[in-house]
Amino acid sequence: MVCLNDGQEALWQARNRYLPGPMIDILDFLHVTPRLWKAAPIFHGEGSAAAEAFVRERCLRVLQGGIVGVIRGFREMATKRGLTGAKKKAVTQVCAYLENNRARMRYDEYLAAGYPIASGVIEGACRHLVKDRMERAGMHWTPEGAQAMLDVRSVHVDGAWENYQQYRIARETQELYPHHYLVAGPKYQLAC
């Protein structure tokens, strides 16, 4: 099982509490890139081509499994440039975030295994499945009613509505008329 999450510690704690057991935790890559962009103007001009190249290179290194080298590089660059004040604080925060999530950033392994590394597709699916249906004007839901609606909506969105209806009718027939086969009798052809 894979848990794809952002770097908020409360979410990882909730995952541990509600989904215990073996799990591959993955930090959403789209929560890494803003940290890299935060560091770029410290070492290169804001919005410069050098800053963009800096971020692209670090993104590639992170995707290739080189997060430790990226963190080390940030720290070395900050020391060599003698950063102080807000710039030093910003680099320290970026490095702390990356360090705290390092175990969840083995993107080279995740990609090789075919795991997702960003949750945009999942978030889009949730919006399509849940929000577009559940948050229309004037709607109010009980938890039970919302769950029932989501169950039916997921069957519809999945394209399994006809199969579901056949299954439901067969199940209800069996439940309401458990011995219906006893009176089914032979089928007679009518002569026209």
N, C-alpha and C. Protein backbone atom coordinates (compact mmCIF):
# COMPACT_ATOMS: atom_id res chain seq x y z
N MET A 1 0.85 -1.17 0.00
CA MET A 1 0.00 0.00 0.00
C MET A 1 0.89 1.23 0.00
N VAL A 2 0.45 2.26 -0.71
CA VAL A 2 1.20 3.51 -0.83
C VAL A 2 0.39 4.63 -0.21
N CYS A 3 1.05 5.49 0.54
CA CYS A 3 0.42 6.69 1.09
C CYS A 3 1.15 7.89 0.51
N LEU A 4 0.47 8.65 -0.33
CA LEU A 4 1.02 9.83 -0.98
C LEU A 4 0.47 11.04 -0.25
N ASN A 5 1.35 11.87 0.30
CA ASN A 5 0.92 12.93 1.20
C ASN A 5 1.84 14.12 1.05
N ASP A 6 1.41 15.26 1.60
CA ASP A 6 2.33 16.40 1.63
C ASP A 6 3.15 16.32 2.92
N GLY A 7 3.95 17.28 3.18
CA GLY A 7 4.90 17.19 4.29
C GLY A 7 4.36 17.57 5.65
N GLN A 8 3.07 17.84 5.76
CA GLN A 8 2.50 18.23 7.05
C GLN A 8 2.55 17.05 8.01
N GLU A 9 3.22 17.22 9.12
CA GLU A 9 3.43 16.12 10.05
C GLU A 9 2.12 15.56 10.60
N ALA A 10 1.11 16.40 10.79
CA ALA A 10 -0.17 15.92 11.32
C ALA A 10 -0.81 14.90 10.38
N LEU A 11 -0.62 15.05 9.08
CA LEU A 11 -1.18 14.09 8.13
C LEU A 11 -0.46 12.75 8.21
N TRP A 12 0.86 12.79 8.40
CA TRP A 12 1.61 11.54 8.54
C TRP A 12 1.23 10.84 9.85
N GLN A 13 1.01 11.62 10.91
CA GLN A 13 0.59 11.03 12.18
C GLN A 13 -0.80 10.39 12.05
N ALA A 14 -1.70 11.08 11.32
CA ALA A 14 -3.04 10.52 11.10
C ALA A 14 -2.95 9.23 10.29
N ARG A 15 -2.08 9.19 9.30
CA ARG A 15 -1.88 7.98 8.53
C ARG A 15 -1.43 6.84 9.44
N ASN A 16 -0.49 7.12 10.33
CA ASN A 16 -0.01 6.09 11.26
C ASN A 16 -1.11 5.61 12.19
N ARG A 17 -1.98 6.53 12.60
CA ARG A 17 -3.05 6.19 13.53
C ARG A 17 -4.16 5.39 12.84
N TYR A 18 -4.57 5.81 11.64
CA TYR A 18 -5.72 5.20 10.99
C TYR A 18 -5.37 4.12 9.97
N LEU A 19 -4.15 4.13 9.48
CA LEU A 19 -3.72 3.12 8.51
C LEU A 19 -2.40 2.51 8.96
N PRO A 20 -2.41 1.84 10.10
CA PRO A 20 -1.16 1.26 10.60
C PRO A 20 -0.73 0.08 9.74
N GLY A 21 0.48 -0.27 9.90
CA GLY A 21 0.98 -1.43 9.17
C GLY A 21 1.94 -1.04 8.07
N PRO A 22 2.38 -2.01 7.34
CA PRO A 22 3.36 -1.75 6.28
C PRO A 22 2.78 -0.82 5.22
N MET A 23 3.52 0.21 4.91
CA MET A 23 3.06 1.20 3.95
C MET A 23 4.28 1.89 3.36
N ILE A 24 4.19 2.28 2.12
CA ILE A 24 5.24 3.07 1.49
C ILE A 24 4.75 4.51 1.52
N ASP A 25 5.43 5.33 2.32
CA ASP A 25 5.08 6.75 2.43
C ASP A 25 5.84 7.53 1.38
N ILE A 26 5.11 8.33 0.62
CA ILE A 26 5.70 9.14 -0.44
C ILE A 26 5.30 10.60 -0.23
N LEU A 27 6.30 11.46 -0.22
CA LEU A 27 6.04 12.89 -0.16
C LEU A 27 5.68 13.36 -1.56
N ASP A 28 4.54 14.03 -1.69
CA ASP A 28 4.10 14.57 -2.97
C ASP A 28 5.21 15.45 -3.54
N PHE A 29 5.68 15.11 -4.72
CA PHE A 29 6.79 15.85 -5.33
C PHE A 29 6.44 17.32 -5.53
N LEU A 30 5.17 17.62 -5.72
CA LEU A 30 4.76 19.01 -5.93
C LEU A 30 4.81 19.83 -4.64
N HIS A 31 5.14 19.19 -3.53
CA HIS A 31 5.39 19.93 -2.29
C HIS A 31 6.89 20.10 -2.07
N VAL A 32 7.69 19.46 -2.90
CA VAL A 32 9.14 19.62 -2.85
C VAL A 32 9.56 20.81 -3.70
N THR A 33 8.99 20.91 -4.89
CA THR A 33 9.43 21.95 -5.82
C THR A 33 9.30 23.37 -5.28
N PRO A 34 8.26 23.72 -4.51
CA PRO A 34 8.22 25.08 -3.97
C PRO A 34 9.39 25.38 -3.02
N ARG A 35 9.86 24.35 -2.33
CA ARG A 35 11.02 24.55 -1.44
C ARG A 35 12.27 24.83 -2.27
N LEU A 36 12.40 24.15 -3.39
CA LEU A 36 13.54 24.40 -4.27
C LEU A 36 13.46 25.81 -4.86
N TRP A 37 12.25 26.22 -5.22
CA TRP A 37 12.06 27.59 -5.73
C TRP A 37 12.31 28.63 -4.65
N LYS A 38 12.05 28.29 -3.41
CA LYS A 38 12.31 29.22 -2.31
C LYS A 38 13.81 29.45 -2.15
N ALA A 39 14.62 28.43 -2.41
CA ALA A 39 16.07 28.55 -2.27
C ALA A 39 16.70 29.25 -3.47
N ALA A 40 16.12 29.10 -4.65
CA ALA A 40 16.73 29.60 -5.88
C ALA A 40 17.09 31.09 -5.84
N PRO A 41 16.19 32.00 -5.45
CA PRO A 41 16.56 33.42 -5.49
C PRO A 41 17.61 33.81 -4.44
N ILE A 42 17.82 32.95 -3.47
CA ILE A 42 18.85 33.22 -2.47
C ILE A 42 20.24 33.10 -3.11
N PHE A 43 20.37 32.15 -4.03
CA PHE A 43 21.65 31.90 -4.66
C PHE A 43 21.77 32.52 -6.05
N HIS A 44 20.64 32.88 -6.66
CA HIS A 44 20.61 33.46 -8.01
C HIS A 44 19.55 34.56 -8.01
N GLY A 45 19.58 35.42 -8.99
CA GLY A 45 18.60 36.51 -9.06
C GLY A 45 17.17 36.01 -9.17
N GLU A 46 16.28 36.73 -8.53
CA GLU A 46 14.85 36.42 -8.56
C GLU A 46 14.36 36.37 -10.01
N GLY A 47 13.76 35.25 -10.40
CA GLY A 47 13.20 35.12 -11.74
C GLY A 47 14.22 35.02 -12.86
N SER A 48 15.46 34.82 -12.53
CA SER A 48 16.51 34.76 -13.55
C SER A 48 16.55 33.38 -14.20
N ALA A 49 17.20 33.34 -15.37
CA ALA A 49 17.39 32.06 -16.05
C ALA A 49 18.27 31.15 -15.20
N ALA A 50 19.22 31.73 -14.47
CA ALA A 50 20.09 30.93 -13.60
C ALA A 50 19.29 30.28 -12.48
N ALA A 51 18.31 31.03 -11.93
CA ALA A 51 17.46 30.48 -10.86
C ALA A 51 16.62 29.31 -11.40
N GLU A 52 16.10 29.48 -12.62
CA GLU A 52 15.31 28.41 -13.21
C GLU A 52 16.17 27.18 -13.47
N ALA A 53 17.36 27.37 -13.99
CA ALA A 53 18.26 26.25 -14.23
C ALA A 53 18.65 25.56 -12.91
N PHE A 54 18.85 26.37 -11.87
CA PHE A 54 19.17 25.87 -10.54
C PHE A 54 18.06 24.92 -10.05
N VAL A 55 16.81 25.34 -10.19
CA VAL A 55 15.67 24.53 -9.73
C VAL A 55 15.53 23.28 -10.59
N ARG A 56 15.65 23.43 -11.89
CA ARG A 56 15.53 22.27 -12.78
C ARG A 56 16.58 21.21 -12.42
N GLU A 57 17.80 21.65 -12.21
CA GLU A 57 18.88 20.71 -11.88
C GLU A 57 18.59 20.00 -10.56
N ARG A 58 18.13 20.75 -9.55
CA ARG A 58 17.82 20.13 -8.25
C ARG A 58 16.63 19.19 -8.34
N CYS A 59 15.62 19.57 -9.12
CA CYS A 59 14.46 18.67 -9.32
C CYS A 59 14.92 17.35 -9.92
N LEU A 60 15.75 17.42 -10.92
CA LEU A 60 16.25 16.21 -11.56
C LEU A 60 17.05 15.37 -10.57
N ARG A 61 17.89 16.02 -9.79
CA ARG A 61 18.69 15.28 -8.81
C ARG A 61 17.81 14.61 -7.76
N VAL A 62 16.78 15.32 -7.32
CA VAL A 62 15.85 14.75 -6.33
C VAL A 62 15.13 13.55 -6.95
N LEU A 63 14.67 13.68 -8.20
CA LEU A 63 13.98 12.58 -8.86
C LEU A 63 14.88 11.38 -9.08
N GLN A 64 16.16 11.61 -9.19
CA GLN A 64 17.12 10.53 -9.40
C GLN A 64 17.60 9.92 -8.07
N GLY A 65 17.03 10.38 -6.95
CA GLY A 65 17.38 9.81 -5.65
C GLY A 65 18.49 10.55 -4.93
N GLY A 66 18.82 11.75 -5.36
CA GLY A 66 19.93 12.49 -4.78
C GLY A 66 19.54 13.55 -3.77
N ILE A 67 18.54 13.30 -2.95
CA ILE A 67 18.08 14.31 -2.00
C ILE A 67 19.16 14.68 -0.97
N VAL A 68 19.94 13.70 -0.54
CA VAL A 68 20.99 13.98 0.45
C VAL A 68 22.00 14.96 -0.14
N GLY A 69 22.37 14.77 -1.39
CA GLY A 69 23.31 15.67 -2.04
C GLY A 69 22.74 17.06 -2.22
N VAL A 70 21.46 17.17 -2.50
CA VAL A 70 20.82 18.48 -2.66
C VAL A 70 20.84 19.23 -1.32
N ILE A 71 20.50 18.55 -0.25
CA ILE A 71 20.51 19.18 1.08
C ILE A 71 21.93 19.61 1.42
N ARG A 72 22.88 18.73 1.25
CA ARG A 72 24.28 19.05 1.54
C ARG A 72 24.75 20.24 0.70
N GLY A 73 24.38 20.25 -0.57
CA GLY A 73 24.75 21.35 -1.45
C GLY A 73 24.20 22.68 -0.98
N PHE A 74 22.93 22.71 -0.56
CA PHE A 74 22.33 23.95 -0.04
C PHE A 74 23.11 24.45 1.17
N ARG A 75 23.42 23.55 2.06
CA ARG A 75 24.14 23.94 3.28
C ARG A 75 25.54 24.45 2.95
N GLU A 76 26.23 23.77 2.05
CA GLU A 76 27.58 24.21 1.67
C GLU A 76 27.55 25.57 0.99
N MET A 77 26.57 25.76 0.09
CA MET A 77 26.46 27.05 -0.60
C MET A 77 26.16 28.17 0.39
N ALA A 78 25.29 27.89 1.35
CA ALA A 78 24.96 28.91 2.36
C ALA A 78 26.19 29.26 3.19
N THR A 79 26.98 28.26 3.56
CA THR A 79 28.20 28.50 4.35
C THR A 79 29.23 29.26 3.53
N LYS A 80 29.48 28.84 2.30
CA LYS A 80 30.47 29.49 1.45
C LYS A 80 30.11 30.94 1.16
N ARG A 81 28.84 31.23 1.03
CA ARG A 81 28.41 32.60 0.74
C ARG A 81 28.24 33.43 2.01
N GLY A 82 28.40 32.79 3.15
CA GLY A 82 28.29 33.50 4.42
C GLY A 82 26.91 34.10 4.65
N LEU A 83 25.89 33.36 4.32
CA LEU A 83 24.52 33.87 4.47
C LEU A 83 24.20 34.13 5.93
N THR A 84 23.46 35.19 6.14
CA THR A 84 23.00 35.55 7.48
C THR A 84 21.55 36.02 7.40
N GLY A 85 20.96 36.22 8.54
CA GLY A 85 19.61 36.79 8.61
C GLY A 85 18.55 35.96 7.92
N ALA A 86 17.68 36.66 7.16
CA ALA A 86 16.52 36.04 6.52
C ALA A 86 16.93 34.99 5.49
N LYS A 87 18.02 35.26 4.76
CA LYS A 87 18.46 34.29 3.75
C LYS A 87 18.93 33.00 4.39
N LYS A 88 19.69 33.12 5.47
CA LYS A 88 20.16 31.91 6.17
C LYS A 88 18.97 31.16 6.75
N LYS A 89 18.02 31.89 7.31
CA LYS A 89 16.83 31.27 7.90
C LYS A 89 16.03 30.52 6.83
N ALA A 90 15.90 31.12 5.66
CA ALA A 90 15.14 30.49 4.57
C ALA A 90 15.81 29.19 4.13
N VAL A 91 17.13 29.22 3.96
CA VAL A 91 17.84 28.00 3.56
C VAL A 91 17.74 26.94 4.65
N THR A 92 17.84 27.35 5.89
CA THR A 92 17.72 26.41 7.01
C THR A 92 16.34 25.76 7.01
N GLN A 93 15.29 26.53 6.75
CA GLN A 93 13.93 25.99 6.71
C GLN A 93 13.76 25.00 5.55
N VAL A 94 14.30 25.36 4.39
CA VAL A 94 14.21 24.47 3.24
C VAL A 94 14.93 23.16 3.55
N CYS A 95 16.13 23.26 4.08
CA CYS A 95 16.90 22.05 4.40
C CYS A 95 16.20 21.21 5.47
N ALA A 96 15.60 21.85 6.46
CA ALA A 96 14.90 21.12 7.52
C ALA A 96 13.70 20.35 6.94
N TYR A 97 12.95 20.99 6.06
CA TYR A 97 11.81 20.33 5.43
C TYR A 97 12.27 19.12 4.63
N LEU A 98 13.28 19.32 3.81
CA LEU A 98 13.79 18.23 2.99
C LEU A 98 14.38 17.11 3.85
N GLU A 99 15.09 17.47 4.89
CA GLU A 99 15.69 16.48 5.79
C GLU A 99 14.61 15.68 6.52
N ASN A 100 13.59 16.38 7.01
CA ASN A 100 12.51 15.71 7.75
C ASN A 100 11.73 14.73 6.88
N ASN A 101 11.71 14.98 5.58
CA ASN A 101 10.94 14.14 4.66
C ASN A 101 11.83 13.26 3.77
N ARG A 102 13.10 13.23 4.04
CA ARG A 102 14.07 12.52 3.21
C ARG A 102 13.68 11.06 2.98
N ALA A 103 13.21 10.38 4.00
CA ALA A 103 12.86 8.96 3.87
C ALA A 103 11.66 8.76 2.94
N ARG A 104 10.91 9.82 2.70
CA ARG A 104 9.72 9.74 1.85
C ARG A 104 10.00 10.27 0.45
N MET A 105 11.27 10.46 0.13
CA MET A 105 11.63 11.10 -1.14
C MET A 105 12.54 10.19 -1.98
N ARG A 106 12.28 8.91 -1.99
CA ARG A 106 13.08 7.98 -2.80
C ARG A 106 12.40 7.84 -4.17
N TYR A 107 12.31 8.97 -4.86
CA TYR A 107 11.54 9.03 -6.10
C TYR A 107 12.08 8.10 -7.18
N ASP A 108 13.37 7.89 -7.20
CA ASP A 108 13.92 6.97 -8.19
C ASP A 108 13.34 5.57 -8.00
N GLU A 109 13.24 5.13 -6.75
CA GLU A 109 12.67 3.82 -6.45
C GLU A 109 11.16 3.79 -6.75
N TYR A 110 10.48 4.87 -6.37
CA TYR A 110 9.03 4.93 -6.58
C TYR A 110 8.69 4.89 -8.06
N LEU A 111 9.40 5.67 -8.84
CA LEU A 111 9.15 5.71 -10.28
C LEU A 111 9.46 4.36 -10.92
N ALA A 112 10.55 3.74 -10.49
CA ALA A 112 10.91 2.42 -11.03
C ALA A 112 9.83 1.39 -10.72
N ALA A 113 9.17 1.53 -9.56
CA ALA A 113 8.12 0.59 -9.17
C ALA A 113 6.75 0.97 -9.75
N GLY A 114 6.68 2.14 -10.41
CA GLY A 114 5.41 2.57 -11.00
C GLY A 114 4.48 3.27 -10.03
N TYR A 115 5.00 3.72 -8.89
CA TYR A 115 4.16 4.41 -7.90
C TYR A 115 3.96 5.87 -8.31
N PRO A 116 2.83 6.45 -7.93
CA PRO A 116 2.64 7.88 -8.20
C PRO A 116 3.51 8.70 -7.25
N ILE A 117 3.98 9.85 -7.72
CA ILE A 117 4.78 10.73 -6.87
C ILE A 117 4.14 12.09 -6.69
N ALA A 118 2.97 12.29 -7.28
CA ALA A 118 2.24 13.55 -7.12
C ALA A 118 0.76 13.22 -7.03
N SER A 119 0.04 14.00 -6.25
CA SER A 119 -1.36 13.67 -5.98
C SER A 119 -2.35 14.45 -6.83
N GLY A 120 -1.88 15.21 -7.81
CA GLY A 120 -2.78 16.02 -8.64
C GLY A 120 -3.87 15.20 -9.30
N VAL A 121 -3.55 14.05 -9.84
CA VAL A 121 -4.54 13.20 -10.50
C VAL A 121 -5.57 12.72 -9.48
N ILE A 122 -5.10 12.37 -8.29
CA ILE A 122 -5.99 11.90 -7.24
C ILE A 122 -6.90 13.04 -6.78
N GLU A 123 -6.33 14.22 -6.60
CA GLU A 123 -7.13 15.37 -6.19
C GLU A 123 -8.16 15.73 -7.25
N GLY A 124 -7.78 15.62 -8.52
CA GLY A 124 -8.73 15.88 -9.61
C GLY A 124 -9.86 14.86 -9.61
N ALA A 125 -9.52 13.61 -9.37
CA ALA A 125 -10.54 12.56 -9.32
C ALA A 125 -11.49 12.79 -8.15
N CYS A 126 -10.95 13.20 -7.02
CA CYS A 126 -11.80 13.49 -5.86
C CYS A 126 -12.73 14.65 -6.15
N ARG A 127 -12.20 15.68 -6.82
CA ARG A 127 -13.05 16.81 -7.17
C ARG A 127 -14.16 16.34 -8.10
N HIS A 128 -13.80 15.55 -9.10
CA HIS A 128 -14.79 15.08 -10.07
C HIS A 128 -15.82 14.16 -9.40
N LEU A 129 -15.37 13.26 -8.56
CA LEU A 129 -16.27 12.29 -7.94
C LEU A 129 -17.09 12.91 -6.81
N VAL A 130 -16.44 13.68 -5.96
CA VAL A 130 -17.08 14.16 -4.74
C VAL A 130 -17.61 15.58 -4.88
N LYS A 131 -16.72 16.52 -5.05
CA LYS A 131 -17.10 17.93 -4.98
C LYS A 131 -18.12 18.32 -6.03
N ASP A 132 -17.92 17.88 -7.28
CA ASP A 132 -18.84 18.28 -8.34
C ASP A 132 -20.26 17.80 -8.08
N ARG A 133 -20.43 16.75 -7.31
CA ARG A 133 -21.76 16.23 -7.02
C ARG A 133 -22.28 16.66 -5.65
N MET A 134 -21.41 16.72 -4.68
CA MET A 134 -21.84 16.91 -3.29
C MET A 134 -21.96 18.38 -2.88
N GLU A 135 -21.32 19.28 -3.60
CA GLU A 135 -21.31 20.67 -3.17
C GLU A 135 -22.11 21.58 -4.09
N ARG A 136 -23.24 21.10 -4.55
CA ARG A 136 -24.11 21.93 -5.37
C ARG A 136 -24.93 22.85 -4.45
N ALA A 137 -25.48 23.90 -5.03
CA ALA A 137 -26.22 24.89 -4.26
C ALA A 137 -27.37 24.25 -3.48
N GLY A 138 -27.46 24.60 -2.20
CA GLY A 138 -28.57 24.18 -1.36
C GLY A 138 -28.50 22.76 -0.84
N MET A 139 -27.44 22.06 -1.10
CA MET A 139 -27.36 20.66 -0.65
C MET A 139 -26.84 20.58 0.78
N HIS A 140 -27.46 19.68 1.51
CA HIS A 140 -27.04 19.39 2.89
C HIS A 140 -27.05 17.87 3.02
N TRP A 141 -26.01 17.32 3.60
CA TRP A 141 -25.87 15.87 3.66
C TRP A 141 -25.64 15.39 5.08
N THR A 142 -26.27 14.27 5.40
CA THR A 142 -25.88 13.55 6.61
C THR A 142 -24.70 12.66 6.19
N PRO A 143 -23.89 12.22 7.12
CA PRO A 143 -22.78 11.32 6.72
C PRO A 143 -23.28 10.06 6.00
N GLU A 144 -24.39 9.50 6.46
CA GLU A 144 -24.91 8.29 5.84
C GLU A 144 -25.41 8.57 4.42
N GLY A 145 -26.14 9.68 4.27
CA GLY A 145 -26.66 10.05 2.94
C GLY A 145 -25.53 10.37 1.97
N ALA A 146 -24.51 11.07 2.46
CA ALA A 146 -23.37 11.41 1.61
C ALA A 146 -22.65 10.13 1.17
N GLN A 147 -22.46 9.19 2.08
CA GLN A 147 -21.79 7.94 1.72
C GLN A 147 -22.60 7.17 0.69
N ALA A 148 -23.92 7.12 0.87
CA ALA A 148 -24.77 6.41 -0.08
C ALA A 148 -24.67 7.06 -1.47
N MET A 149 -24.70 8.40 -1.51
CA MET A 149 -24.59 9.10 -2.79
C MET A 149 -23.23 8.84 -3.44
N LEU A 150 -22.17 8.86 -2.65
CA LEU A 150 -20.83 8.61 -3.21
C LEU A 150 -20.69 7.18 -3.71
N ASP A 151 -21.32 6.23 -3.02
CA ASP A 151 -21.28 4.84 -3.49
C ASP A 151 -21.92 4.73 -4.87
N VAL A 152 -23.11 5.32 -5.02
CA VAL A 152 -23.81 5.25 -6.29
C VAL A 152 -23.06 6.05 -7.37
N ARG A 153 -22.55 7.20 -6.99
CA ARG A 153 -21.81 8.04 -7.96
C ARG A 153 -20.55 7.33 -8.45
N SER A 154 -19.85 6.66 -7.58
CA SER A 154 -18.63 5.96 -8.00
C SER A 154 -18.95 4.84 -8.98
N VAL A 155 -20.08 4.16 -8.78
CA VAL A 155 -20.50 3.11 -9.72
C VAL A 155 -20.80 3.75 -11.08
N HIS A 156 -21.49 4.88 -11.06
CA HIS A 156 -21.83 5.57 -12.31
C HIS A 156 -20.58 6.08 -13.03
N VAL A 157 -19.71 6.75 -12.31
CA VAL A 157 -18.50 7.31 -12.91
C VAL A 157 -17.60 6.20 -13.45
N ASP A 158 -17.60 5.07 -12.79
CA ASP A 158 -16.78 3.93 -13.20
C ASP A 158 -17.33 3.25 -14.46
N GLY A 159 -18.55 3.61 -14.86
CA GLY A 159 -19.14 3.00 -16.04
C GLY A 159 -19.76 1.65 -15.78
N ALA A 160 -20.03 1.35 -14.52
CA ALA A 160 -20.55 0.03 -14.15
C ALA A 160 -22.03 0.08 -13.75
N TRP A 161 -22.75 1.12 -14.17
CA TRP A 161 -24.13 1.29 -13.74
C TRP A 161 -25.01 0.12 -14.16
N GLU A 162 -24.95 -0.32 -15.41
CA GLU A 162 -25.80 -1.41 -15.89
C GLU A 162 -25.48 -2.71 -15.15
N ASN A 163 -24.21 -3.01 -14.97
CA ASN A 163 -23.83 -4.22 -14.22
C ASN A 163 -24.33 -4.14 -12.79
N TYR A 164 -24.21 -2.96 -12.19
CA TYR A 164 -24.70 -2.78 -10.82
C TYR A 164 -26.20 -3.02 -10.75
N GLN A 165 -26.96 -2.50 -11.70
CA GLN A 165 -28.42 -2.67 -11.68
C GLN A 165 -28.80 -4.14 -11.83
N GLN A 166 -28.12 -4.86 -12.72
CA GLN A 166 -28.40 -6.29 -12.88
C GLN A 166 -28.10 -7.04 -11.58
N TYR A 167 -26.99 -6.72 -10.95
CA TYR A 167 -26.62 -7.35 -9.68
C TYR A 167 -27.66 -7.03 -8.61
N ARG A 168 -28.05 -5.74 -8.51
CA ARG A 168 -29.01 -5.31 -7.49
C ARG A 168 -30.36 -6.00 -7.67
N ILE A 169 -30.84 -6.07 -8.89
CA ILE A 169 -32.14 -6.71 -9.16
C ILE A 169 -32.08 -8.20 -8.82
N ALA A 170 -31.02 -8.87 -9.21
CA ALA A 170 -30.88 -10.30 -8.90
C ALA A 170 -30.83 -10.52 -7.39
N ARG A 171 -30.10 -9.65 -6.69
CA ARG A 171 -29.99 -9.79 -5.24
C ARG A 171 -31.33 -9.53 -4.56
N GLU A 172 -32.05 -8.49 -4.98
CA GLU A 172 -33.35 -8.20 -4.39
C GLU A 172 -34.36 -9.30 -4.69
N THR A 173 -34.31 -9.83 -5.91
CA THR A 173 -35.22 -10.93 -6.27
C THR A 173 -34.96 -12.13 -5.37
N GLN A 174 -33.69 -12.45 -5.17
CA GLN A 174 -33.34 -13.58 -4.31
C GLN A 174 -33.78 -13.33 -2.87
N GLU A 175 -33.63 -12.09 -2.41
CA GLU A 175 -33.99 -11.77 -1.04
C GLU A 175 -35.50 -11.77 -0.83
N LEU A 176 -36.24 -11.18 -1.77
CA LEU A 176 -37.70 -11.07 -1.63
C LEU A 176 -38.42 -12.38 -2.00
N TYR A 177 -37.89 -13.09 -2.96
CA TYR A 177 -38.53 -14.30 -3.46
C TYR A 177 -37.51 -15.43 -3.49
N PRO A 178 -37.09 -15.92 -2.34
CA PRO A 178 -36.02 -16.93 -2.32
C PRO A 178 -36.37 -18.23 -3.05
N HIS A 179 -37.67 -18.50 -3.22
CA HIS A 179 -38.07 -19.75 -3.87
C HIS A 179 -38.74 -19.50 -5.21
N HIS A 180 -38.40 -18.39 -5.84
CA HIS A 180 -39.05 -18.04 -7.11
C HIS A 180 -38.81 -19.09 -8.19
N TYR A 181 -37.75 -19.79 -8.11
CA TYR A 181 -37.46 -20.81 -9.13
C TYR A 181 -38.46 -21.98 -9.09
N LEU A 182 -39.12 -22.18 -7.94
CA LEU A 182 -40.08 -23.27 -7.82
C LEU A 182 -41.34 -23.04 -8.65
N VAL A 183 -41.68 -21.77 -8.87
CA VAL A 183 -42.90 -21.46 -9.62
C VAL A 183 -42.59 -20.96 -11.02
N ALA A 184 -41.34 -20.97 -11.39
CA ALA A 184 -40.97 -20.45 -12.70
C ALA A 184 -41.58 -21.30 -13.81
N GLY A 185 -41.63 -22.60 -13.62
CA GLY A 185 -42.27 -23.49 -14.58
C GLY A 185 -41.67 -23.43 -15.97
N PRO A 186 -42.21 -24.29 -16.86
CA PRO A 186 -41.70 -24.30 -18.24
C PRO A 186 -42.15 -23.07 -19.00
N LYS A 187 -41.42 -22.71 -19.99
CA LYS A 187 -41.77 -21.55 -20.85
C LYS A 187 -42.50 -22.11 -22.07
N TYR A 188 -43.74 -21.66 -22.30
CA TYR A 188 -44.54 -22.13 -23.41
C TYR A 188 -44.47 -21.15 -24.57
N GLN A 189 -44.37 -21.69 -25.77
CA GLN A 189 -44.40 -20.87 -26.99
C GLN A 189 -45.85 -20.69 -27.40
N LEU A 190 -46.21 -19.48 -27.73
CA LEU A 190 -47.57 -19.21 -28.19
C LEU A 190 -47.59 -19.31 -29.71
N ALA A 191 -48.61 -20.02 -30.20
CA ALA A 191 -48.75 -20.12 -31.67
C ALA A 191 -49.48 -18.89 -32.15
N CYS A 192 -48.98 -18.28 -33.16
CA CYS A 192 -49.62 -17.08 -33.70
C CYS A 192 -50.34 -17.38 -34.99
